Every structure is written in C-alpha cells, then in structure tokens.
Protein backbone atom coordinates (compact mmCIF):
# COMPACT_ATOMS: atom_id res chain seq x y z
CA MET A 1 38.83 201.29 215.86
CA ASP A 2 37.18 204.47 214.74
CA THR A 3 34.24 204.55 212.34
CA THR A 4 35.24 207.59 210.29
CA GLU A 5 33.95 208.25 206.82
CA VAL A 6 36.16 206.02 204.71
CA ILE A 7 36.59 206.44 200.98
CA GLU A 8 39.10 204.65 198.83
CA LEU A 9 41.76 207.05 197.53
CA ASN A 10 41.08 206.27 193.87
CA GLN A 11 37.41 207.27 194.20
CA LEU A 12 38.27 210.96 193.90
CA GLY A 13 39.29 210.39 190.26
CA ARG A 14 40.57 213.18 188.01
CA LEU A 15 37.50 215.37 187.58
CA PRO A 16 37.37 218.58 189.66
CA TYR A 17 34.12 217.55 191.42
CA ARG A 18 33.13 214.19 192.85
CA ARG A 19 30.13 212.84 194.76
CA ILE A 20 30.99 210.90 197.91
CA ARG A 21 28.72 208.94 200.24
CA VAL A 22 29.44 209.54 203.93
CA ARG A 23 30.16 206.49 206.09
CA GLY A 24 30.10 206.54 209.88
CA PRO A 25 29.16 208.97 212.65
CA SER A 26 32.32 211.08 213.08
CA MET A 27 30.81 214.20 211.46
CA ALA A 28 27.41 214.07 213.19
CA PRO A 29 25.34 216.15 213.49
CA THR A 30 26.62 218.02 210.41
CA LEU A 31 26.74 214.91 208.21
CA ALA A 32 25.09 211.55 208.80
CA ASP A 33 25.91 208.06 207.60
CA GLY A 34 24.53 207.77 204.06
CA ASP A 35 24.59 211.48 203.19
CA VAL A 36 25.97 212.31 199.75
CA VAL A 37 28.29 215.32 199.45
CA LEU A 38 29.98 217.14 196.58
CA VAL A 39 33.76 217.48 196.90
CA ARG A 40 35.92 219.88 194.94
CA ARG A 41 39.36 218.36 194.45
CA GLY A 42 42.31 220.49 195.49
CA GLY A 43 41.56 224.05 196.41
CA SER A 44 42.62 225.87 199.53
CA PRO A 45 40.64 225.09 202.65
CA CYS A 46 39.82 227.69 205.25
CA ALA A 47 39.41 227.05 208.95
CA GLY A 48 35.92 225.62 209.47
CA ASP A 49 35.63 223.98 206.04
CA LEU A 50 34.67 220.32 205.69
CA VAL A 51 37.51 218.55 203.92
CA VAL A 52 38.50 215.15 202.55
CA VAL A 53 41.82 214.13 204.11
CA SER A 54 44.33 211.33 204.48
CA TRP A 55 47.09 210.48 206.94
CA THR A 56 50.38 208.69 206.32
CA ALA A 57 49.45 206.35 209.20
CA ARG A 58 46.41 205.20 207.15
CA PRO A 59 47.57 204.92 203.54
CA GLY A 60 44.84 204.55 200.92
CA GLN A 61 42.06 205.75 203.26
CA LEU A 62 40.27 209.07 203.02
CA SER A 63 38.15 210.62 205.77
CA ILE A 64 35.85 213.61 206.04
CA LYS A 65 36.78 216.07 208.80
CA ARG A 66 36.59 219.76 209.71
CA ALA A 67 39.69 221.89 209.02
CA VAL A 68 40.85 223.71 212.15
CA ARG A 69 44.21 225.28 211.26
CA PRO A 70 47.26 224.77 209.06
CA ASP A 71 49.77 222.48 210.77
CA GLY A 72 53.20 222.17 209.18
CA ASP A 73 52.74 220.67 205.70
CA GLY A 74 49.12 219.71 206.36
CA TRP A 75 46.05 220.65 208.38
CA PHE A 76 44.92 219.94 211.91
CA VAL A 77 41.44 218.45 211.42
CA VAL A 78 38.77 217.08 213.77
CA GLY A 79 35.46 215.28 213.54
CA ASP A 80 32.34 217.12 214.68
CA ASN A 81 31.40 214.11 216.84
CA GLU A 82 34.33 214.06 219.25
CA ARG A 83 33.33 210.70 220.78
CA ALA A 84 33.23 208.89 217.43
CA SER A 85 36.17 210.41 215.59
CA THR A 86 39.81 209.52 215.15
CA ASP A 87 41.47 212.64 213.80
CA SER A 88 44.50 214.93 214.15
CA ARG A 89 44.35 214.65 217.93
CA GLU A 90 45.61 211.07 217.51
CA LEU A 91 47.09 210.99 213.98
CA GLY A 92 48.68 214.43 213.58
CA ALA A 93 48.42 216.73 210.59
CA ALA A 94 46.40 215.50 207.60
CA ALA A 95 46.85 216.01 203.87
CA VAL A 96 43.80 217.74 202.37
CA HIS A 97 42.57 216.35 199.02
CA GLY A 98 39.39 218.35 198.58
CA VAL A 99 36.86 220.72 200.10
CA ILE A 100 33.18 219.83 200.58
CA ARG A 101 30.79 222.62 199.62
CA TRP A 102 27.39 220.90 199.22
CA ARG A 103 25.32 218.11 200.71
CA LEU A 104 23.41 216.65 197.75
CA TRP A 105 21.26 214.10 199.58
CA PRO A 106 19.04 213.72 201.57
CA CYS A 107 18.61 217.44 202.34
CA PRO A 108 20.46 219.46 199.69
CA GLN A 109 22.20 222.48 201.16
CA ARG A 110 25.39 224.48 200.90
CA LEU A 111 27.91 223.60 203.60
CA THR A 112 30.03 226.54 204.66
CA GLY A 113 32.88 226.94 207.13
CA ALA A 114 32.40 227.65 210.81
C-alpha cells in the first residue's frame, strides 16, 4: 500500500482556496509530511504543476501529485518520490481538483511548475 498524501474529498469545500496538510512521502523532496499547502480549486493545470487529484479506483481519496501531461479526460500525474508513490503509472489518468501554488508552512514559498 502506498503512503500518498491522502485528503478526504469533502475537505476541499466550496471556497476557491483551501489549506491542506500533506501526508506521506510521495512528493519528497518538494513537499514533506506535515507541510501545509494552499490549493486553488479548479483551474487549468500546466505540465509541472503540483495538483490535487483523485482516481476512480480510489473513490473519496485525494492525493497530491505533479501534473505531467493531459491524458484523455484527465491528467497523467506522478509523485516526485518515485519509490514511495502510487500514481498514474499504476492507476491511469487522474481527475484534477485543484492546483497548488504555495507552501504555507513550515517554509512559506511559491511553488511553480517544472
């Protein structure tokens, strides 16, 4: 079982921006377990962006991954830590729910695409 950043689907709420705490090592070294990021719901991701995604194979679960390319009706996404990530290589295209632009804690900084 993979230890991706898991967020319950209802945690994104209805507001355009939402804070999310990262869980797991799949986005290391970019994001670490316990980091807090700011997600903008919706929007159009670009290749290299950090995104909040879901897969039909894992209903109700959201993960944080890096957008690679559009893939059919979704996006091909991967974790930065290849050894600790379950992603599109195993689960196929993902639905993107939001784009991450900022790490708020512990080291605030803008997070841009590749």
